[in-house]
């Protein structure tokens, strides 16, 4: 699923009050995985509300900077040699 499609699905879920308690986002943590996770979190914490994501409010900024106190980012620190 493309990043845009995943975010559209998640936005529709939020609009219809059908957001799950947890989502597992897979993918490259530096690319599509991060983009989907950041987009979802921005939707949830944005001060602009359900109309969209402003990208500039404190919630959006903290998500983008990965400093939001309600978000725990879990990703590998080093490349695995398995």
PDB file of N, CA and C in Angstrom:
ATOM      1  N   UNK A   1       0.851  -1.179   0.000  1.00  0.00           N
ATOM      2  CA  UNK A   1       0.000   0.000   0.000  1.00  0.00           C
ATOM      3  C   UNK A   1       0.895   1.238   0.000  1.00  0.00           C
ATOM      4  N   UNK A   2       0.542   2.187  -0.837  1.00  0.00           N
ATOM      5  CA  UNK A   2       1.303   3.434  -0.894  1.00  0.00           C
ATOM      6  C   UNK A   2       1.043   4.279   0.344  1.00  0.00           C
ATOM      7  N   UNK A   3       1.989   5.159   0.656  1.00  0.00           N
ATOM      8  CA  UNK A   3       1.883   6.028   1.825  1.00  0.00           C
ATOM      9  C   UNK A   3       0.612   6.867   1.749  1.00  0.00           C
ATOM     10  N   UNK A   4       0.332   7.446   0.592  1.00  0.00           N
ATOM     11  CA  UNK A   4      -0.858   8.294   0.435  1.00  0.00           C
ATOM     12  C   UNK A   4      -2.139   7.506   0.680  1.00  0.00           C
ATOM     13  N   UNK A   5      -2.187   6.258   0.193  1.00  0.00           N
ATOM     14  CA  UNK A   5      -3.371   5.416   0.395  1.00  0.00           C
ATOM     15  C   UNK A   5      -3.553   5.063   1.866  1.00  0.00           C
ATOM     16  N   UNK A   6      -2.456   4.749   2.526  1.00  0.00           N
ATOM     17  CA  UNK A   6      -2.524   4.406   3.947  1.00  0.00           C
ATOM     18  C   UNK A   6      -3.014   5.602   4.764  1.00  0.00           C
ATOM     19  N   UNK A   7      -2.494   6.794   4.467  1.00  0.00           N
ATOM     20  CA  UNK A   7      -2.920   7.990   5.202  1.00  0.00           C
ATOM     21  C   UNK A   7      -4.376   8.336   4.908  1.00  0.00           C
ATOM     22  N   UNK A   8      -4.819   8.133   3.675  1.00  0.00           N
ATOM     23  CA  UNK A   8      -6.226   8.384   3.336  1.00  0.00           C
ATOM     24  C   UNK A   8      -7.134   7.432   4.127  1.00  0.00           C
ATOM     25  N   UNK A   9      -6.742   6.151   4.208  1.00  0.00           N
ATOM     26  CA  UNK A   9      -7.505   5.169   4.982  1.00  0.00           C
ATOM     27  C   UNK A   9      -7.571   5.571   6.454  1.00  0.00           C
ATOM     28  N   UNK A  10      -6.443   5.964   7.008  1.00  0.00           N
ATOM     29  CA  UNK A  10      -6.402   6.352   8.416  1.00  0.00           C
ATOM     30  C   UNK A  10      -7.211   7.622   8.669  1.00  0.00           C
ATOM     31  N   UNK A  11      -7.160   8.575   7.743  1.00  0.00           N
ATOM     32  CA  UNK A  11      -7.938   9.812   7.876  1.00  0.00           C
ATOM     33  C   UNK A  11      -9.441   9.497   7.868  1.00  0.00           C
ATOM     34  N   UNK A  12      -9.861   8.617   6.961  1.00  0.00           N
ATOM     35  CA  UNK A  12     -11.266   8.218   6.904  1.00  0.00           C
ATOM     36  C   UNK A  12     -11.684   7.502   8.189  1.00  0.00           C
ATOM     37  N   UNK A  13     -10.810   6.687   8.728  1.00  0.00           N
ATOM     38  CA  UNK A  13     -11.095   6.013   9.998  1.00  0.00           C
ATOM     39  C   UNK A  13     -11.318   7.034  11.106  1.00  0.00           C
ATOM     40  N   UNK A  14     -10.494   8.066  11.130  1.00  0.00           N
ATOM     41  CA  UNK A  14     -10.622   9.107  12.161  1.00  0.00           C
ATOM     42  C   UNK A  14     -11.906   9.894  11.980  1.00  0.00           C
ATOM     43  N   UNK A  15     -12.243  10.224  10.739  1.00  0.00           N
ATOM     44  CA  UNK A  15     -13.459  10.993  10.459  1.00  0.00           C
ATOM     45  C   UNK A  15     -14.696  10.224  10.909  1.00  0.00           C
ATOM     46  N   UNK A  16     -14.674   8.914  10.725  1.00  0.00           N
ATOM     47  CA  UNK A  16     -15.825   8.082  11.096  1.00  0.00           C
ATOM     48  C   UNK A  16     -15.704   7.522  12.515  1.00  0.00           C
ATOM     49  N   UNK A  17     -14.771   8.068  13.294  1.00  0.00           N
ATOM     50  CA  UNK A  17     -14.573   7.664  14.691  1.00  0.00           C
ATOM     51  C   UNK A  17     -14.336   6.159  14.809  1.00  0.00           C
ATOM     52  N   UNK A  18     -13.483   5.627  13.937  1.00  0.00           N
ATOM     53  CA  UNK A  18     -13.176   4.200  13.919  1.00  0.00           C
ATOM     54  C   UNK A  18     -11.669   3.961  14.040  1.00  0.00           C
ATOM     55  N   UNK A  19     -11.002   4.768  14.854  1.00  0.00           N
ATOM     56  CA  UNK A  19      -9.555   4.632  15.030  1.00  0.00           C
ATOM     57  C   UNK A  19      -9.274   3.507  16.015  1.00  0.00           C
ATOM     58  N   UNK A  20      -8.358   2.628  15.652  1.00  0.00           N
ATOM     59  CA  UNK A  20      -7.990   1.514  16.517  1.00  0.00           C
ATOM     60  C   UNK A  20      -7.092   1.998  17.644  1.00  0.00           C
ATOM     61  N   UNK A  21      -6.962   1.180  18.659  1.00  0.00           N
ATOM     62  CA  UNK A  21      -6.123   1.554  19.794  1.00  0.00           C
ATOM     63  C   UNK A  21      -4.646   1.415  19.473  1.00  0.00           C
ATOM     64  N   UNK A  22      -4.308   0.663  18.438  1.00  0.00           N
ATOM     65  CA  UNK A  22      -2.903   0.489  18.071  1.00  0.00           C
ATOM     66  C   UNK A  22      -2.798   0.164  16.589  1.00  0.00           C
ATOM     67  N   UNK A  23      -1.709   0.595  15.993  1.00  0.00           N
ATOM     68  CA  UNK A  23      -1.391   0.266  14.611  1.00  0.00           C
ATOM     69  C   UNK A  23       0.060  -0.184  14.562  1.00  0.00           C
ATOM     70  N   UNK A  24       0.338  -1.194  13.767  1.00  0.00           N
ATOM     71  CA  UNK A  24       1.705  -1.639  13.540  1.00  0.00           C
ATOM     72  C   UNK A  24       2.088  -1.157  12.147  1.00  0.00           C
ATOM     73  N   UNK A  25       3.058  -0.278  12.098  1.00  0.00           N
ATOM     74  CA  UNK A  25       3.510   0.281  10.824  1.00  0.00           C
ATOM     75  C   UNK A  25       4.819  -0.391  10.469  1.00  0.00           C
ATOM     76  N   UNK A  26       4.851  -1.021   9.303  1.00  0.00           N
ATOM     77  CA  UNK A  26       6.069  -1.680   8.853  1.00  0.00           C
ATOM     78  C   UNK A  26       6.601  -0.966   7.615  1.00  0.00           C
ATOM     79  N   UNK A  27       7.847  -1.160   7.372  1.00  0.00           N
ATOM     80  CA  UNK A  27       8.488  -0.526   6.225  1.00  0.00           C
ATOM     81  C   UNK A  27       9.808   0.047   6.663  1.00  0.00           C
ATOM     82  N   UNK A  28      10.514   0.608   5.736  1.00  0.00           N
ATOM     83  CA  UNK A  28      11.798   1.216   6.024  1.00  0.00           C
ATOM     84  C   UNK A  28      11.587   2.370   6.991  1.00  0.00           C
ATOM     85  N   UNK A  29      12.214   2.335   8.175  1.00  0.00           N
ATOM     86  CA  UNK A  29      11.985   3.397   9.164  1.00  0.00           C
ATOM     87  C   UNK A  29      12.445   4.770   8.697  1.00  0.00           C
ATOM     88  N   UNK A  30      13.278   4.823   7.691  1.00  0.00           N
ATOM     89  CA  UNK A  30      13.740   6.115   7.197  1.00  0.00           C
ATOM     90  C   UNK A  30      12.914   6.595   6.002  1.00  0.00           C
ATOM     91  N   UNK A  31      11.975   5.765   5.524  1.00  0.00           N
ATOM     92  CA  UNK A  31      11.218   6.133   4.329  1.00  0.00           C
ATOM     93  C   UNK A  31       9.719   5.982   4.564  1.00  0.00           C
ATOM     94  N   UNK A  32       9.098   4.991   3.911  1.00  0.00           N
ATOM     95  CA  UNK A  32       7.636   4.873   3.947  1.00  0.00           C
ATOM     96  C   UNK A  32       7.089   4.559   5.334  1.00  0.00           C
ATOM     97  N   UNK A  33       7.796   3.771   6.119  1.00  0.00           N
ATOM     98  CA  UNK A  33       7.328   3.466   7.475  1.00  0.00           C
ATOM     99  C   UNK A  33       7.229   4.722   8.321  1.00  0.00           C
ATOM    100  N   UNK A  34       8.246   5.537   8.258  1.00  0.00           N
ATOM    101  CA  UNK A  34       8.255   6.787   9.017  1.00  0.00           C
ATOM    102  C   UNK A  34       7.206   7.759   8.495  1.00  0.00           C
ATOM    103  N   UNK A  35       7.032   7.807   7.187  1.00  0.00           N
ATOM    104  CA  UNK A  35       6.053   8.734   6.605  1.00  0.00           C
ATOM    105  C   UNK A  35       4.628   8.397   7.047  1.00  0.00           C
ATOM    106  N   UNK A  36       4.288   7.112   7.064  1.00  0.00           N
ATOM    107  CA  UNK A  36       2.950   6.704   7.504  1.00  0.00           C
ATOM    108  C   UNK A  36       2.778   6.983   8.997  1.00  0.00           C
ATOM    109  N   UNK A  37       3.757   6.619   9.795  1.00  0.00           N
ATOM    110  CA  UNK A  37       3.669   6.843  11.239  1.00  0.00           C
ATOM    111  C   UNK A  37       3.557   8.329  11.562  1.00  0.00           C
ATOM    112  N   UNK A  38       4.394   9.143  10.949  1.00  0.00           N
ATOM    113  CA  UNK A  38       4.350  10.587  11.206  1.00  0.00           C
ATOM    114  C   UNK A  38       3.044  11.205  10.732  1.00  0.00           C
ATOM    115  N   UNK A  39       2.548  10.763   9.587  1.00  0.00           N
ATOM    116  CA  UNK A  39       1.279  11.288   9.081  1.00  0.00           C
ATOM    117  C   UNK A  39       0.117  10.965  10.005  1.00  0.00           C
ATOM    118  N   UNK A  40       0.059   9.733  10.486  1.00  0.00           N
ATOM    119  CA  UNK A  40      -0.998   9.332  11.411  1.00  0.00           C
ATOM    120  C   UNK A  40      -0.907  10.115  12.714  1.00  0.00           C
ATOM    121  N   UNK A  41       0.276  10.213  13.256  1.00  0.00           N
ATOM    122  CA  UNK A  41       0.447  10.928  14.519  1.00  0.00           C
ATOM    123  C   UNK A  41       0.138  12.409  14.371  1.00  0.00           C
ATOM    124  N   UNK A  42       0.514  12.997  13.258  1.00  0.00           N
ATOM    125  CA  UNK A  42       0.185  14.400  13.021  1.00  0.00           C
ATOM    126  C   UNK A  42      -1.323  14.593  12.978  1.00  0.00           C
ATOM    127  N   UNK A  43      -2.039  13.647  12.349  1.00  0.00           N
ATOM    128  CA  UNK A  43      -3.508  13.728  12.315  1.00  0.00           C
ATOM    129  C   UNK A  43      -4.084  13.701  13.729  1.00  0.00           C
ATOM    130  N   UNK A  44      -3.524  12.872  14.574  1.00  0.00           N
ATOM    131  CA  UNK A  44      -4.055  12.705  15.918  1.00  0.00           C
ATOM    132  C   UNK A  44      -3.742  13.880  16.841  1.00  0.00           C
ATOM    133  N   UNK A  45      -2.572  14.488  16.681  1.00  0.00           N
ATOM    134  CA  UNK A  45      -2.134  15.527  17.606  1.00  0.00           C
ATOM    135  C   UNK A  45      -2.215  16.939  17.059  1.00  0.00           C
ATOM    136  N   UNK A  46      -2.652  17.109  15.823  1.00  0.00           N
ATOM    137  CA  UNK A  46      -2.712  18.439  15.207  1.00  0.00           C
ATOM    138  C   UNK A  46      -3.817  19.277  15.833  1.00  0.00           C
ATOM    139  N   UNK A  47      -3.513  20.536  16.093  1.00  0.00           N
ATOM    140  CA  UNK A  47      -4.495  21.469  16.656  1.00  0.00           C
ATOM    141  C   UNK A  47      -5.541  21.891  15.639  1.00  0.00           C
ATOM    142  N   UNK A  48      -5.288  21.673  14.343  1.00  0.00           N
ATOM    143  CA  UNK A  48      -6.229  22.063  13.298  1.00  0.00           C
ATOM    144  C   UNK A  48      -7.492  21.204  13.332  1.00  0.00           C
ATOM    145  N   UNK A  49      -7.450  20.076  13.996  1.00  0.00           N
ATOM    146  CA  UNK A  49      -8.619  19.218  14.111  1.00  0.00           C
ATOM    147  C   UNK A  49      -8.761  18.263  12.948  1.00  0.00           C
ATOM    148  N   UNK A  50      -9.974  17.776  12.720  1.00  0.00           N
ATOM    149  CA  UNK A  50     -10.239  16.756  11.712  1.00  0.00           C
ATOM    150  C   UNK A  50     -10.156  17.286  10.288  1.00  0.00           C
ATOM    151  N   UNK A  51     -10.055  18.599  10.117  1.00  0.00           N
ATOM    152  CA  UNK A  51     -10.015  19.160   8.772  1.00  0.00           C
ATOM    153  C   UNK A  51      -8.699  18.900   8.055  1.00  0.00           C
ATOM    154  N   UNK A  52      -7.668  18.592   8.760  1.00  0.00           N
ATOM    155  CA  UNK A  52      -6.391  18.334   8.119  1.00  0.00           C
ATOM    156  C   UNK A  52      -5.239  18.440   9.077  1.00  0.00           C
ATOM    157  N   UNK A  53      -4.059  18.455   8.527  1.00  0.00           N
ATOM    158  CA  UNK A  53      -2.836  18.563   9.303  1.00  0.00           C
ATOM    159  C   UNK A  53      -2.174  19.866   8.917  1.00  0.00           C
ATOM    160  N   UNK A  54      -1.965  20.733   9.906  1.00  0.00           N
ATOM    161  CA  UNK A  54      -1.395  22.053   9.606  1.00  0.00           C
ATOM    162  C   UNK A  54       0.113  21.995   9.397  1.00  0.00           C
ATOM    163  N   UNK A  55       0.790  21.113  10.130  1.00  0.00           N
ATOM    164  CA  UNK A  55       2.227  20.997  10.000  1.00  0.00           C
ATOM    165  C   UNK A  55       3.026  22.020  10.788  1.00  0.00           C
ATOM    166  N   UNK A  56       2.349  22.983  11.415  1.00  0.00           N
ATOM    167  CA  UNK A  56       3.073  24.045  12.112  1.00  0.00           C
ATOM    168  C   UNK A  56       2.732  24.170  13.596  1.00  0.00           C
ATOM    169  N   UNK A  57       1.653  23.570  14.041  1.00  0.00           N
ATOM    170  CA  UNK A  57       1.270  23.690  15.450  1.00  0.00           C
ATOM    171  C   UNK A  57       2.238  22.891  16.324  1.00  0.00           C
ATOM    172  N   UNK A  58       2.110  23.042  17.623  1.00  0.00           N
ATOM    173  CA  UNK A  58       2.996  22.349  18.562  1.00  0.00           C
ATOM    174  C   UNK A  58       2.901  20.834  18.405  1.00  0.00           C
ATOM    175  N   UNK A  59       1.696  20.314  18.223  1.00  0.00           N
ATOM    176  CA  UNK A  59       1.525  18.869  18.067  1.00  0.00           C
ATOM    177  C   UNK A  59       2.231  18.348  16.825  1.00  0.00           C
ATOM    178  N   UNK A  60       2.026  19.003  15.692  1.00  0.00           N
ATOM    179  CA  UNK A  60       2.678  18.596  14.443  1.00  0.00           C
ATOM    180  C   UNK A  60       4.199  18.710  14.558  1.00  0.00           C
ATOM    181  N   UNK A  61       4.646  19.797  15.140  1.00  0.00           N
ATOM    182  CA  UNK A  61       6.084  20.029  15.268  1.00  0.00           C
ATOM    183  C   UNK A  61       6.737  18.971  16.170  1.00  0.00           C
ATOM    184  N   UNK A  62       6.086  18.648  17.278  1.00  0.00           N
ATOM    185  CA  UNK A  62       6.652  17.654  18.195  1.00  0.00           C
ATOM    186  C   UNK A  62       6.677  16.264  17.563  1.00  0.00           C
ATOM    187  N   UNK A  63       5.659  15.946  16.768  1.00  0.00           N
ATOM    188  CA  UNK A  63       5.663  14.660  16.065  1.00  0.00           C
ATOM    189  C   UNK A  63       6.812  14.635  15.061  1.00  0.00           C
ATOM    190  N   UNK A  64       6.940  15.681  14.267  1.00  0.00           N
ATOM    191  CA  UNK A  64       7.990  15.754  13.248  1.00  0.00           C
ATOM    192  C   UNK A  64       9.387  15.670  13.874  1.00  0.00           C
ATOM    193  N   UNK A  65       9.561  16.319  15.024  1.00  0.00           N
ATOM    194  CA  UNK A  65      10.864  16.319  15.709  1.00  0.00           C
ATOM    195  C   UNK A  65      11.056  15.091  16.592  1.00  0.00           C
ATOM    196  N   UNK A  66      10.008  14.259  16.666  1.00  0.00           N
ATOM    197  CA  UNK A  66      10.013  13.032  17.486  1.00  0.00           C
ATOM    198  C   UNK A  66      10.248  13.321  18.958  1.00  0.00           C
ATOM    199  N   UNK A  67       9.619  14.381  19.458  1.00  0.00           N
ATOM    200  CA  UNK A  67       9.743  14.755  20.862  1.00  0.00           C
ATOM    201  C   UNK A  67       8.397  14.772  21.582  1.00  0.00           C
ATOM    202  N   UNK A  68       7.334  14.297  20.935  1.00  0.00           N
ATOM    203  CA  UNK A  68       6.012  14.324  21.575  1.00  0.00           C
ATOM    204  C   UNK A  68       6.014  13.359  22.758  1.00  0.00           C
ATOM    205  N   UNK A  69       5.559  13.805  23.934  1.00  0.00           N
ATOM    206  CA  UNK A  69       5.625  12.960  25.132  1.00  0.00           C
ATOM    207  C   UNK A  69       4.695  11.746  25.089  1.00  0.00           C
ATOM    208  N   UNK A  70       3.708  11.737  24.211  1.00  0.00           N
ATOM    209  CA  UNK A  70       2.775  10.619  24.134  1.00  0.00           C
ATOM    210  C   UNK A  70       3.124   9.624  23.036  1.00  0.00           C
ATOM    211  N   UNK A  71       4.288   9.772  22.431  1.00  0.00           N
ATOM    212  CA  UNK A  71       4.699   8.891  21.336  1.00  0.00           C
ATOM    213  C   UNK A  71       6.006   8.210  21.701  1.00  0.00           C
ATOM    214  N   UNK A  72       6.026   6.899  21.546  1.00  0.00           N
ATOM    215  CA  UNK A  72       7.241   6.120  21.761  1.00  0.00           C
ATOM    216  C   UNK A  72       7.685   5.579  20.404  1.00  0.00           C
ATOM    217  N   UNK A  73       8.816   6.042  19.925  1.00  0.00           N
ATOM    218  CA  UNK A  73       9.364   5.584  18.648  1.00  0.00           C
ATOM    219  C   UNK A  73      10.253   4.384  18.918  1.00  0.00           C
ATOM    220  N   UNK A  74       9.972   3.278  18.239  1.00  0.00           N
ATOM    221  CA  UNK A  74      10.768   2.061  18.378  1.00  0.00           C
ATOM    222  C   UNK A  74      11.342   1.734  17.003  1.00  0.00           C
ATOM    223  N   UNK A  75      12.650   1.784  16.898  1.00  0.00           N
ATOM    224  CA  UNK A  75      13.309   1.480  15.635  1.00  0.00           C
ATOM    225  C   UNK A  75      14.725   0.988  15.922  1.00  0.00           C
ATOM    226  N   UNK A  76      15.311   0.269  14.972  1.00  0.00           N
ATOM    227  CA  UNK A  76      16.662  -0.266  15.213  1.00  0.00           C
ATOM    228  C   UNK A  76      17.685   0.854  15.334  1.00  0.00           C
ATOM    229  N   UNK A  77      18.651   0.657  16.218  1.00  0.00           N
ATOM    230  CA  UNK A  77      19.721   1.630  16.359  1.00  0.00           C
ATOM    231  C   UNK A  77      20.855   1.354  15.389  1.00  0.00           C
ATOM    232  N   UNK A  78      21.086   0.085  15.102  1.00  0.00           N
ATOM    233  CA  UNK A  78      22.154  -0.322  14.195  1.00  0.00           C
ATOM    234  C   UNK A  78      21.614  -1.302  13.174  1.00  0.00           C
ATOM    235  N   UNK A  79      22.300  -1.441  12.058  1.00  0.00           N
ATOM    236  CA  UNK A  79      21.904  -2.433  11.061  1.00  0.00           C
ATOM    237  C   UNK A  79      22.126  -3.834  11.639  1.00  0.00           C
ATOM    238  N   UNK A  80      21.172  -4.706  11.394  1.00  0.00           N
ATOM    239  CA  UNK A  80      21.286  -6.085  11.865  1.00  0.00           C
ATOM    240  C   UNK A  80      22.201  -6.874  10.936  1.00  0.00           C
ATOM    241  N   UNK A  81      22.947  -7.779  11.496  1.00  0.00           N
ATOM    242  CA  UNK A  81      23.833  -8.637  10.693  1.00  0.00           C
ATOM    243  C   UNK A  81      23.362 -10.087  10.782  1.00  0.00           C
ATOM    244  N   UNK A  82      22.067 -10.297  10.840  1.00  0.00           N
ATOM    245  CA  UNK A  82      21.499 -11.640  10.993  1.00  0.00           C
ATOM    246  C   UNK A  82      21.709 -12.505   9.793  1.00  0.00           C
TER     247      UNK A  82
END
